[in-house]
């Protein structure tokens, strides 16, 4: 009885494959293209790709674009709103932390890097904080780039466990944030730098939240007393461990995932705008290759030679587009 069921299932599967082979092979008419390669199908692919890309951009705007409408006033308000929702007191705007954040942004632009620590090990976030005259007991840093609005920046930070932990940290009393436009790796972009701190003694110079801080003018002159054993909070880091840094909470949780979960997380379309277009590209390359192999099995006539040339041209153009997509820079938060 089981054998009969297996034969029946196998027969139905074969019938299904034969019936639908025309979608992926030039069948039953060898001179006709597979239905998945007809012009109408290619047009539908383009529409689907555009729909998915726009949907992903709306869900996770951090992966595309150039930030043009970020106001530091809103950043201050939004961060404190998030803290209020957790029943935490508002952080005070601190001009020295603003100055430290501004200098950090300028350092990244001048040395052309995007990280918490300079690749050559010459600077750390804590150096900028101390140089601005803020002697701290606790300190932290969040970074962001390539966003469109202040709301999107804070939403992305709150969606990340490590960045969120900085924003709702009860040890912090002050913070400063700046949004600075400049050229990074040959592209115009906006860097958002957020510095948190809790000062030793009465060394803070806090002001009410509000105003802009793209070019803060905090008091950085005068002698700076060394901080007695400052205690720095872990940085909010996403991605490979920075030089001199510690693995982030996201990295540590990644190590506990199963292999399948790691693959799903790696190719999550909302984490990378490259996933869907590259997937479409590989699908079409496979269909063109099947079309070519099916034609070659019985030799080529004049019409099929012409179609072979078209297939090769399509595959070359598609391959070049995939290379362009693969090498595109994307933004994010660290």
Protein backbone atom coordinates (compact mmCIF):
# COMPACT_ATOMS: atom_id res chain seq x y z
CA UNK A 1 0.00 0.00 0.00
CA UNK A 2 2.83 2.38 0.87
CA UNK A 3 4.56 1.50 -2.38
CA UNK A 4 1.42 2.33 -4.32
CA UNK A 5 1.17 5.70 -2.59
CA UNK A 6 4.82 6.47 -3.40
CA UNK A 7 4.27 5.58 -7.07
CA UNK A 8 1.15 7.72 -7.20
CA UNK A 9 2.91 10.70 -5.63
CA UNK A 10 5.86 10.25 -8.01
CA UNK A 11 3.55 10.06 -11.02
CA UNK A 12 1.69 13.21 -9.95
CA UNK A 13 4.98 15.01 -9.38
CA UNK A 14 6.24 14.08 -12.85
CA UNK A 15 2.95 15.20 -14.40
CA UNK A 16 3.18 18.50 -12.56
CA UNK A 17 6.76 19.07 -13.72
CA UNK A 18 5.94 18.25 -17.35
CA UNK A 19 2.87 20.45 -17.29
CA UNK A 20 4.74 23.43 -15.88
CA UNK A 21 8.11 22.95 -17.59
CA UNK A 22 7.16 25.71 -20.02
CA UNK A 23 7.73 28.24 -17.25
CA UNK A 24 11.46 27.54 -16.94
CA UNK A 25 12.30 25.78 -20.24
CA UNK A 26 11.54 26.44 -23.93
CA UNK A 27 8.98 23.59 -23.83
CA UNK A 28 7.10 22.14 -25.62
CA UNK A 29 8.14 24.48 -28.46
CA UNK A 30 11.98 24.67 -28.48
CA UNK A 31 11.97 27.94 -30.41
CA UNK A 32 9.89 29.72 -27.77
CA UNK A 33 11.41 31.26 -24.67
CA UNK A 34 10.49 29.97 -21.24
CA UNK A 35 7.54 31.92 -19.86
CA UNK A 36 9.67 33.23 -16.99
CA UNK A 37 11.98 34.84 -19.58
CA UNK A 38 9.39 36.52 -21.77
CA UNK A 39 9.44 40.32 -21.92
CA UNK A 40 6.19 40.56 -19.97
CA UNK A 41 7.68 38.44 -17.16
CA UNK A 42 10.84 40.56 -17.04
CA UNK A 43 8.68 43.67 -16.74
CA UNK A 44 6.81 42.10 -13.81
CA UNK A 45 10.16 41.29 -12.14
CA UNK A 46 11.16 44.94 -12.32
CA UNK A 47 7.87 46.04 -10.74
CA UNK A 48 8.20 43.45 -7.95
CA UNK A 49 11.79 44.50 -7.28
CA UNK A 50 10.83 48.18 -7.04
CA UNK A 51 7.94 47.33 -4.70
CA UNK A 52 10.15 45.32 -2.36
CA UNK A 53 12.91 47.92 -2.32
CA UNK A 54 10.46 50.72 -1.50
CA UNK A 55 8.87 48.58 1.22
CA UNK A 56 12.25 47.83 2.77
CA UNK A 57 13.25 51.48 2.64
CA UNK A 58 10.07 52.47 4.49
CA UNK A 59 10.65 49.76 7.12
CA UNK A 60 14.38 50.38 7.54
CA UNK A 61 15.42 53.73 6.01
CA UNK A 62 18.89 53.57 7.55
CA UNK A 63 20.13 51.40 4.70
CA UNK A 64 19.74 53.96 1.93
CA UNK A 65 19.96 57.62 1.21
CA UNK A 66 21.62 60.79 2.40
CA UNK A 67 20.34 62.53 5.51
CA UNK A 68 19.04 66.00 4.68
CA UNK A 69 16.47 66.84 7.35
CA UNK A 70 18.05 66.05 10.73
CA UNK A 71 17.59 68.65 13.48
CA UNK A 72 19.54 68.26 16.70
CA UNK A 73 16.70 69.96 18.59
CA UNK A 74 14.46 67.06 17.63
CA UNK A 75 17.14 64.53 18.52
CA UNK A 76 17.32 65.92 22.06
CA UNK A 77 13.54 65.87 22.41
CA UNK A 78 13.10 62.40 20.94
CA UNK A 79 15.78 60.83 23.13
CA UNK A 80 14.26 62.30 26.28
CA UNK A 81 10.80 61.19 25.13
CA UNK A 82 12.08 57.63 24.93
CA UNK A 83 13.50 57.93 28.44
CA UNK A 84 10.22 59.38 29.73
CA UNK A 85 8.36 56.36 28.38
CA UNK A 86 10.62 54.20 30.54
CA UNK A 87 9.98 56.36 33.59
CA UNK A 88 13.51 57.79 33.55
CA UNK A 89 14.54 61.41 34.15
CA UNK A 90 15.46 63.55 31.16
CA UNK A 91 19.11 63.91 30.22
CA UNK A 92 20.49 67.44 30.23
CA UNK A 93 22.00 68.96 27.15
CA UNK A 94 25.72 69.46 27.78
CA UNK A 95 27.83 71.81 25.67
CA UNK A 96 31.06 69.98 26.46
CA UNK A 97 29.63 66.68 25.26
CA UNK A 98 28.37 68.51 22.16
CA UNK A 99 31.89 69.75 21.54
CA UNK A 100 33.27 66.24 22.01
CA UNK A 101 30.69 64.85 19.56
CA UNK A 102 31.51 67.54 17.01
CA UNK A 103 35.25 66.88 17.25
CA UNK A 104 34.63 63.14 16.88
CA UNK A 105 32.63 63.74 13.69
CA UNK A 106 35.37 65.97 12.27
CA UNK A 107 37.98 63.35 13.16
CA UNK A 108 36.05 60.68 11.24
CA UNK A 109 35.77 62.95 8.21
CA UNK A 110 39.43 64.01 8.28
CA UNK A 111 40.76 60.46 8.75
CA UNK A 112 38.08 58.89 6.54
CA UNK A 113 36.76 56.21 8.88
CA UNK A 114 33.39 55.17 10.29
CA UNK A 115 33.91 53.54 13.67
CA UNK A 116 34.00 54.18 17.40
CA UNK A 117 37.80 53.84 17.40
CA UNK A 118 40.14 55.20 14.71
CA UNK A 119 41.56 52.30 12.66
CA UNK A 120 45.13 53.39 13.45
CA UNK A 121 44.33 53.42 17.17
CA UNK A 122 45.11 57.14 17.44
CA UNK A 123 41.78 58.19 18.96
CA UNK A 124 39.00 56.83 21.17
CA UNK A 125 35.65 58.42 22.08
CA UNK A 126 36.88 59.03 25.61
CA UNK A 127 39.74 61.24 24.38
CA UNK A 128 37.28 63.68 22.80
CA UNK A 129 35.16 63.78 25.96
CA UNK A 130 38.14 64.49 28.22
CA UNK A 131 39.63 66.99 25.75
CA UNK A 132 36.36 68.95 25.87
CA UNK A 133 36.81 69.35 29.62
CA UNK A 134 34.20 66.82 30.70
CA UNK A 135 35.67 64.59 33.43
CA UNK A 136 33.39 61.60 33.56
CA UNK A 137 32.52 58.67 35.72
CA UNK A 138 30.39 57.01 33.03
CA UNK A 139 30.44 57.67 29.29
CA UNK A 140 29.04 56.19 26.11
CA UNK A 141 28.63 56.87 22.41
CA UNK A 142 26.09 56.19 19.65
CA UNK A 143 26.76 56.85 15.95
CA UNK A 144 24.51 57.00 12.89
CA UNK A 145 24.73 58.04 9.25
CA UNK A 146 22.72 58.20 6.02
CA UNK A 147 19.31 58.88 7.57
CA UNK A 148 16.61 61.20 6.27
CA UNK A 149 15.07 62.52 9.50
CA UNK A 150 15.71 62.78 13.22
CA UNK A 151 12.85 60.37 13.93
CA UNK A 152 14.47 57.70 11.78
CA UNK A 153 17.78 58.06 13.62
CA UNK A 154 16.22 57.58 17.06
CA UNK A 155 13.95 54.78 15.82
CA UNK A 156 16.96 52.88 14.51
CA UNK A 157 18.86 53.39 17.77
CA UNK A 158 15.91 52.17 19.84
CA UNK A 159 15.53 49.11 17.60
CA UNK A 160 19.09 48.06 18.47
CA UNK A 161 19.56 46.58 21.93
CA UNK A 162 23.06 48.02 22.36
CA UNK A 163 22.15 51.54 21.24
CA UNK A 164 18.95 51.47 23.26
CA UNK A 165 20.89 50.50 26.38
CA UNK A 166 22.88 53.75 26.06
CA UNK A 167 19.75 55.87 25.63
CA UNK A 168 17.95 54.40 28.66
CA UNK A 169 21.04 53.97 30.84
CA UNK A 170 20.30 55.19 34.37
CA UNK A 171 23.98 56.06 34.99
CA UNK A 172 23.95 58.91 32.46
CA UNK A 173 22.93 62.43 33.45
CA UNK A 174 24.07 64.50 30.45
CA UNK A 175 24.36 64.11 26.70
CA UNK A 176 25.31 66.01 23.59
CA UNK A 177 24.45 65.26 19.97
CA UNK A 178 25.48 66.79 16.64
CA UNK A 179 24.65 66.18 12.98
CA UNK A 180 27.55 67.13 10.72
CA UNK A 181 27.61 67.06 6.92
CA UNK A 182 30.84 66.10 5.19
CA UNK A 183 32.60 63.79 2.76
CA UNK A 184 33.27 60.21 3.86
CA UNK A 185 34.95 57.71 1.53
CA UNK A 186 34.27 59.97 -1.43
CA UNK A 187 30.54 60.40 -0.74
CA UNK A 188 28.59 63.28 0.78
CA UNK A 189 26.88 62.13 3.97
CA UNK A 190 25.63 63.24 7.37
CA UNK A 191 27.14 61.79 10.53
CA UNK A 192 25.18 61.87 13.78
CA UNK A 193 27.32 61.57 16.91
CA UNK A 194 25.74 61.20 20.34
CA UNK A 195 27.85 61.36 23.52
CA UNK A 196 26.54 60.37 26.96
CA UNK A 197 28.12 61.05 30.32
CA UNK A 198 27.88 61.37 34.06
CA UNK A 199 30.37 63.90 35.39
CA UNK A 200 32.67 63.60 38.38
CA UNK A 201 31.73 66.19 41.01
CA UNK A 202 30.36 69.50 39.70
CA UNK A 203 32.21 69.62 36.39
CA UNK A 204 29.21 69.68 34.08
CA UNK A 205 27.91 72.69 32.16
CA UNK A 206 24.41 71.65 31.24
CA UNK A 207 21.87 73.77 29.41
CA UNK A 208 18.15 73.23 28.77
CA UNK A 209 17.40 70.91 25.89
CA UNK A 210 16.84 72.76 22.61
CA UNK A 211 18.57 74.57 19.78
CA UNK A 212 20.90 73.17 17.18
CA UNK A 213 24.36 71.80 17.67
CA UNK A 214 25.97 71.30 14.30
CA UNK A 215 28.77 73.57 15.39
CA UNK A 216 28.73 73.65 19.20
CA UNK A 217 30.82 76.19 21.08
CA UNK A 218 31.31 74.54 24.44
CA UNK A 219 33.90 75.89 26.88
CA UNK A 220 36.98 73.78 26.19
CA UNK A 221 39.69 76.19 27.27
CA UNK A 222 41.72 76.07 30.45
CA UNK A 223 43.50 73.31 32.31
CA UNK A 224 41.82 69.94 32.35
CA UNK A 225 42.11 67.96 35.55
CA UNK A 226 42.77 64.27 34.92
CA UNK A 227 39.75 62.09 35.58
CA UNK A 228 40.39 59.83 38.56
CA UNK A 229 39.87 56.33 37.14
CA UNK A 230 36.95 57.16 34.83
CA UNK A 231 34.59 54.25 34.33
CA UNK A 232 33.47 54.01 30.71
CA UNK A 233 30.31 52.19 29.77
CA UNK A 234 30.60 49.68 26.90
CA UNK A 235 30.20 51.27 23.51
CA UNK A 236 27.14 50.56 21.43
CA UNK A 237 28.84 48.61 18.65
CA UNK A 238 27.19 46.71 15.80
CA UNK A 239 29.28 44.68 13.39
CA UNK A 240 32.91 43.54 13.68
CA UNK A 241 34.63 44.38 16.95
CA UNK A 242 36.48 47.69 16.75
CA UNK A 243 40.18 47.87 17.50
CA UNK A 244 40.52 48.10 21.24
CA UNK A 245 36.78 47.54 21.76
CA UNK A 246 34.71 44.77 23.23
CA UNK A 247 32.17 42.58 21.43
CA UNK A 248 28.72 44.09 21.52
CA UNK A 249 25.62 42.50 22.95
CA UNK A 250 24.45 41.89 19.39
CA UNK A 251 27.67 40.06 18.56
CA UNK A 252 27.45 37.95 21.68
CA UNK A 253 23.85 36.98 20.95
CA UNK A 254 24.86 36.10 17.38
CA UNK A 255 27.19 33.44 18.75
CA UNK A 256 24.24 31.70 20.43
CA UNK A 257 22.18 31.44 17.24
CA UNK A 258 21.84 28.19 15.33
CA UNK A 259 23.48 28.02 11.86
CA UNK A 260 20.08 28.40 10.17
CA UNK A 261 19.20 31.42 12.34
CA UNK A 262 22.56 33.01 11.51
CA UNK A 263 21.94 32.58 7.76
CA UNK A 264 18.45 34.09 8.07
CA UNK A 265 19.83 37.01 10.09
CA UNK A 266 22.69 37.58 7.63
CA UNK A 267 20.40 37.67 4.60
CA UNK A 268 17.57 39.55 6.26
CA UNK A 269 16.35 41.93 3.50
CA UNK A 270 15.77 44.72 6.02
CA UNK A 271 19.42 44.48 7.09
CA UNK A 272 20.80 44.84 3.58
CA UNK A 273 19.32 46.43 0.44
CA UNK A 274 21.43 44.08 -1.67
CA UNK A 275 19.64 40.85 -0.75
CA UNK A 276 16.56 41.08 -2.99
CA UNK A 277 18.19 42.49 -6.17
CA UNK A 278 21.02 39.96 -5.97
CA UNK A 279 18.48 37.18 -5.43
CA UNK A 280 16.57 38.27 -8.53
CA UNK A 281 19.83 38.44 -10.43
CA UNK A 282 20.85 34.88 -9.57
CA UNK A 283 17.34 33.63 -10.44
CA UNK A 284 17.45 35.23 -13.89
CA UNK A 285 21.00 34.03 -14.55
CA UNK A 286 19.87 30.49 -13.75
CA UNK A 287 16.87 30.76 -16.09
CA UNK A 288 19.00 32.10 -18.95
CA UNK A 289 21.51 29.28 -18.38
CA UNK A 290 18.72 26.65 -18.47
CA UNK A 291 17.38 28.16 -21.68
CA UNK A 292 20.83 27.96 -23.25
CA UNK A 293 21.52 24.37 -22.16
CA UNK A 294 18.15 23.21 -23.47
CA UNK A 295 18.85 24.74 -26.89
CA UNK A 296 22.38 23.30 -27.10
CA UNK A 297 21.31 19.69 -26.53
CA UNK A 298 20.00 19.29 -30.11
CA UNK A 299 22.32 21.72 -31.87
CA UNK A 300 21.58 25.27 -32.95
CA UNK A 301 19.78 26.57 -36.00
CA UNK A 302 19.99 30.15 -37.25
CA UNK A 303 17.18 31.39 -35.03
CA UNK A 304 18.63 29.70 -31.96
CA UNK A 305 22.07 31.18 -32.66
CA UNK A 306 20.45 34.61 -32.58
CA UNK A 307 18.75 33.77 -29.29
CA UNK A 308 22.04 32.51 -27.87
CA UNK A 309 23.64 35.87 -28.61
CA UNK A 310 20.72 37.59 -26.87
CA UNK A 311 21.08 35.31 -23.83
CA UNK A 312 24.80 36.02 -23.55
CA UNK A 313 24.18 39.77 -23.81
CA UNK A 314 21.47 39.59 -21.14
CA UNK A 315 23.70 37.57 -18.82
CA UNK A 316 26.65 39.96 -19.23
CA UNK A 317 24.50 43.04 -18.53
CA UNK A 318 22.83 41.29 -15.59
CA UNK A 319 26.21 40.26 -14.19
CA UNK A 320 27.53 43.83 -14.42
CA UNK A 321 24.45 45.18 -12.65
CA UNK A 322 24.91 42.62 -9.87
CA UNK A 323 28.53 43.70 -9.43
CA UNK A 324 27.38 47.33 -9.13
CA UNK A 325 24.77 46.36 -6.52
CA UNK A 326 27.31 44.30 -4.57
CA UNK A 327 29.84 47.14 -4.40
CA UNK A 328 27.32 49.83 -3.41
CA UNK A 329 27.95 51.54 -0.07
CA UNK A 330 25.19 51.45 2.51
CA UNK A 331 24.62 53.41 5.65
CA UNK A 332 23.73 52.36 9.17
CA UNK A 333 24.38 52.78 12.87
CA UNK A 334 27.26 51.73 15.09
